[in-house]
Amino acid sequence: MNSAIDLSERPGATEVSSFVILPPSGAFRAGEALRAIEAFLTERFPGLAFYANADIPPFDGDYKLVPIVGVPGDEPDSIRMLNSPSDALLLAIGAALKLFRPAGLVVN
């Protein structure tokens, strides 16, 4: 999986603004679907960054959302922790994830 440290984070930021999206099994894990979910969420949540990654074992259910809370610290090899995202933001992203389906995929 990609590093849990977001190197693109704004200097001095205190709030989480980047998330890893973990797709469930099947067509959700295809490269094209991963890029599509990133674009879908980025369009709906300007100012936030989304990184879809399927380098984990497949699972049933829906997408999982992982906030990136660690960013490079001021000292070499240090990590600075960001404030967790609000519950309202997590619920809004979760609702958007439930709406997204890769093109051509039928989900029952």
C-alpha atoms as a PDB file:
ATOM      1  CA  MET A   1       0.000   0.000   0.000  1.00  0.00           C
ATOM      2  CA  ASN A   2       1.103   3.575  -0.496  1.00  0.00           C
ATOM      3  CA  SER A   3       2.694   5.375   2.418  1.00  0.00           C
ATOM      4  CA  ALA A   4       0.259   6.631   5.036  1.00  0.00           C
ATOM      5  CA  ILE A   5       2.077   9.959   5.008  1.00  0.00           C
ATOM      6  CA  ASP A   6       0.700  12.467   2.526  1.00  0.00           C
ATOM      7  CA  LEU A   7       3.698  14.300   1.086  1.00  0.00           C
ATOM      8  CA  SER A   8       1.460  16.733  -0.791  1.00  0.00           C
ATOM      9  CA  GLU A   9      -0.070  18.126   2.407  1.00  0.00           C
ATOM     10  CA  ARG A  10      -0.110  21.909   2.767  1.00  0.00           C
ATOM     11  CA  PRO A  11       2.630  23.225   5.087  1.00  0.00           C
ATOM     12  CA  GLY A  12       1.208  24.257   8.430  1.00  0.00           C
ATOM     13  CA  ALA A  13      -2.089  22.415   7.895  1.00  0.00           C
ATOM     14  CA  THR A  14      -3.819  21.193  11.040  1.00  0.00           C
ATOM     15  CA  GLU A  15      -6.831  19.375   9.548  1.00  0.00           C
ATOM     16  CA  VAL A  16      -6.939  16.149   7.530  1.00  0.00           C
ATOM     17  CA  SER A  17      -7.440  16.882   3.841  1.00  0.00           C
ATOM     18  CA  SER A  18      -6.323  13.585   2.264  1.00  0.00           C
ATOM     19  CA  PHE A  19      -7.897  10.152   2.310  1.00  0.00           C
ATOM     20  CA  VAL A  20      -7.094   6.650   1.089  1.00  0.00           C
ATOM     21  CA  ILE A  21     -10.024   4.827  -0.510  1.00  0.00           C
ATOM     22  CA  LEU A  22      -9.950   1.031  -0.227  1.00  0.00           C
ATOM     23  CA  PRO A  23     -12.181  -0.685  -2.795  1.00  0.00           C
ATOM     24  CA  PRO A  24     -14.095  -3.915  -2.174  1.00  0.00           C
ATOM     25  CA  SER A  25     -13.557  -7.027  -4.280  1.00  0.00           C
ATOM     26  CA  GLY A  26     -14.277  -7.450  -7.975  1.00  0.00           C
ATOM     27  CA  ALA A  27     -14.490  -4.721 -10.599  1.00  0.00           C
ATOM     28  CA  PHE A  28     -14.099  -2.033  -7.941  1.00  0.00           C
ATOM     29  CA  ARG A  29     -10.371  -2.877  -7.848  1.00  0.00           C
ATOM     30  CA  ALA A  30      -9.639  -2.349 -11.563  1.00  0.00           C
ATOM     31  CA  GLY A  31      -7.190   0.470 -12.296  1.00  0.00           C
ATOM     32  CA  GLU A  32      -9.747   2.432 -14.292  1.00  0.00           C
ATOM     33  CA  ALA A  33     -12.274   2.154 -11.436  1.00  0.00           C
ATOM     34  CA  LEU A  34      -9.652   3.351  -8.937  1.00  0.00           C
ATOM     35  CA  ARG A  35      -8.908   6.480 -10.976  1.00  0.00           C
ATOM     36  CA  ALA A  36     -12.643   7.052 -11.502  1.00  0.00           C
ATOM     37  CA  ILE A  37     -13.435   6.990  -7.765  1.00  0.00           C
ATOM     38  CA  GLU A  38     -10.609   9.476  -7.125  1.00  0.00           C
ATOM     39  CA  ALA A  39     -11.988  11.833  -9.778  1.00  0.00           C
ATOM     40  CA  PHE A  40     -15.577  11.363  -8.562  1.00  0.00           C
ATOM     41  CA  LEU A  41     -14.709  12.327  -4.981  1.00  0.00           C
ATOM     42  CA  THR A  42     -12.303  15.131  -5.915  1.00  0.00           C
ATOM     43  CA  GLU A  43     -15.050  16.755  -7.976  1.00  0.00           C
ATOM     44  CA  ARG A  44     -17.533  16.543  -5.108  1.00  0.00           C
ATOM     45  CA  PHE A  45     -15.124  17.606  -2.364  1.00  0.00           C
ATOM     46  CA  PRO A  46     -12.880  20.383  -3.733  1.00  0.00           C
ATOM     47  CA  GLY A  47      -9.781  20.963  -1.652  1.00  0.00           C
ATOM     48  CA  LEU A  48      -9.572  17.351  -0.521  1.00  0.00           C
ATOM     49  CA  ALA A  49      -7.298  14.695  -2.025  1.00  0.00           C
ATOM     50  CA  PHE A  50      -8.269  11.053  -2.535  1.00  0.00           C
ATOM     51  CA  TYR A  51      -5.938   8.142  -3.266  1.00  0.00           C
ATOM     52  CA  ALA A  52      -7.617   4.848  -4.233  1.00  0.00           C
ATOM     53  CA  ASN A  53      -5.503   1.793  -3.546  1.00  0.00           C
ATOM     54  CA  ALA A  54      -6.258  -1.899  -4.063  1.00  0.00           C
ATOM     55  CA  ASP A  55      -3.010  -3.291  -2.616  1.00  0.00           C
ATOM     56  CA  ILE A  56      -4.894  -5.072   0.169  1.00  0.00           C
ATOM     57  CA  PRO A  57      -6.729  -8.398   0.244  1.00  0.00           C
ATOM     58  CA  PRO A  58     -10.184  -8.232  -1.393  1.00  0.00           C
ATOM     59  CA  PHE A  59     -13.165  -7.848   0.932  1.00  0.00           C
ATOM     60  CA  ASP A  60     -16.949  -7.869   0.604  1.00  0.00           C
ATOM     61  CA  GLY A  61     -19.102  -4.843   1.209  1.00  0.00           C
ATOM     62  CA  ASP A  62     -18.516  -1.240   0.234  1.00  0.00           C
ATOM     63  CA  TYR A  63     -15.557   1.112   0.009  1.00  0.00           C
ATOM     64  CA  LYS A  64     -13.528   1.873   3.142  1.00  0.00           C
ATOM     65  CA  LEU A  65     -12.322   5.401   3.872  1.00  0.00           C
ATOM     66  CA  VAL A  66      -9.016   5.987   5.688  1.00  0.00           C
ATOM     67  CA  PRO A  67      -8.069   9.566   6.638  1.00  0.00           C
ATOM     68  CA  ILE A  68      -4.369  10.339   6.271  1.00  0.00           C
ATOM     69  CA  VAL A  69      -3.564  11.830   9.658  1.00  0.00           C
ATOM     70  CA  GLY A  70       0.255  11.773   9.492  1.00  0.00           C
ATOM     71  CA  VAL A  71       2.306  14.306   7.538  1.00  0.00           C
ATOM     72  CA  PRO A  72       6.051  14.954   7.523  1.00  0.00           C
ATOM     73  CA  GLY A  73       7.160  16.792  10.643  1.00  0.00           C
ATOM     74  CA  ASP A  74       9.644  19.615  11.018  1.00  0.00           C
ATOM     75  CA  GLU A  75      12.480  17.284  11.976  1.00  0.00           C
ATOM     76  CA  PRO A  76      13.911  14.665   9.593  1.00  0.00           C
ATOM     77  CA  ASP A  77      12.067  11.340   9.872  1.00  0.00           C
ATOM     78  CA  SER A  78       9.373  12.834  12.112  1.00  0.00           C
ATOM     79  CA  ILE A  79       5.624  12.742  11.659  1.00  0.00           C
ATOM     80  CA  ARG A  80       3.178  15.455  12.624  1.00  0.00           C
ATOM     81  CA  MET A  81      -0.381  14.357  13.398  1.00  0.00           C
ATOM     82  CA  LEU A  82      -3.352  16.255  11.954  1.00  0.00           C
ATOM     83  CA  ASN A  83      -6.751  16.740  13.569  1.00  0.00           C
ATOM     84  CA  SER A  84      -9.262  14.077  12.611  1.00  0.00           C
ATOM     85  CA  PRO A  85     -11.900  15.079  10.056  1.00  0.00           C
ATOM     86  CA  SER A  86     -15.344  15.996  11.346  1.00  0.00           C
ATOM     87  CA  ASP A  87     -18.018  13.334  11.613  1.00  0.00           C
ATOM     88  CA  ALA A  88     -20.124  15.357   9.158  1.00  0.00           C
ATOM     89  CA  LEU A  89     -17.363  15.248   6.529  1.00  0.00           C
ATOM     90  CA  LEU A  90     -16.828  11.509   7.022  1.00  0.00           C
ATOM     91  CA  LEU A  91     -20.571  10.892   6.667  1.00  0.00           C
ATOM     92  CA  ALA A  92     -20.746  13.020   3.501  1.00  0.00           C
ATOM     93  CA  ILE A  93     -17.817  11.188   1.896  1.00  0.00           C
ATOM     94  CA  GLY A  94     -19.291   7.850   2.966  1.00  0.00           C
ATOM     95  CA  ALA A  95     -22.612   8.757   1.352  1.00  0.00           C
ATOM     96  CA  ALA A  96     -20.826   9.740  -1.873  1.00  0.00           C
ATOM     97  CA  LEU A  97     -18.932   6.436  -1.867  1.00  0.00           C
ATOM     98  CA  LYS A  98     -22.232   4.547  -1.703  1.00  0.00           C
ATOM     99  CA  LEU A  99     -23.397   6.402  -4.835  1.00  0.00           C
ATOM    100  CA  PHE A 100     -20.341   5.605  -6.955  1.00  0.00           C
ATOM    101  CA  ARG A 101     -20.217   2.522  -9.128  1.00  0.00           C
ATOM    102  CA  PRO A 102     -17.591   1.938 -11.827  1.00  0.00           C
ATOM    103  CA  ALA A 103     -18.943   2.302 -15.356  1.00  0.00           C
ATOM    104  CA  GLY A 104     -20.542  -0.917 -16.586  1.00  0.00           C
ATOM    105  CA  LEU A 105     -20.716  -2.519 -13.140  1.00  0.00           C
ATOM    106  CA  VAL A 106     -24.117  -3.653 -11.924  1.00  0.00           C
ATOM    107  CA  VAL A 107     -24.399  -3.983  -8.154  1.00  0.00           C
ATOM    108  CA  ASN A 108     -27.410  -5.735  -6.568  1.00  0.00           C
END
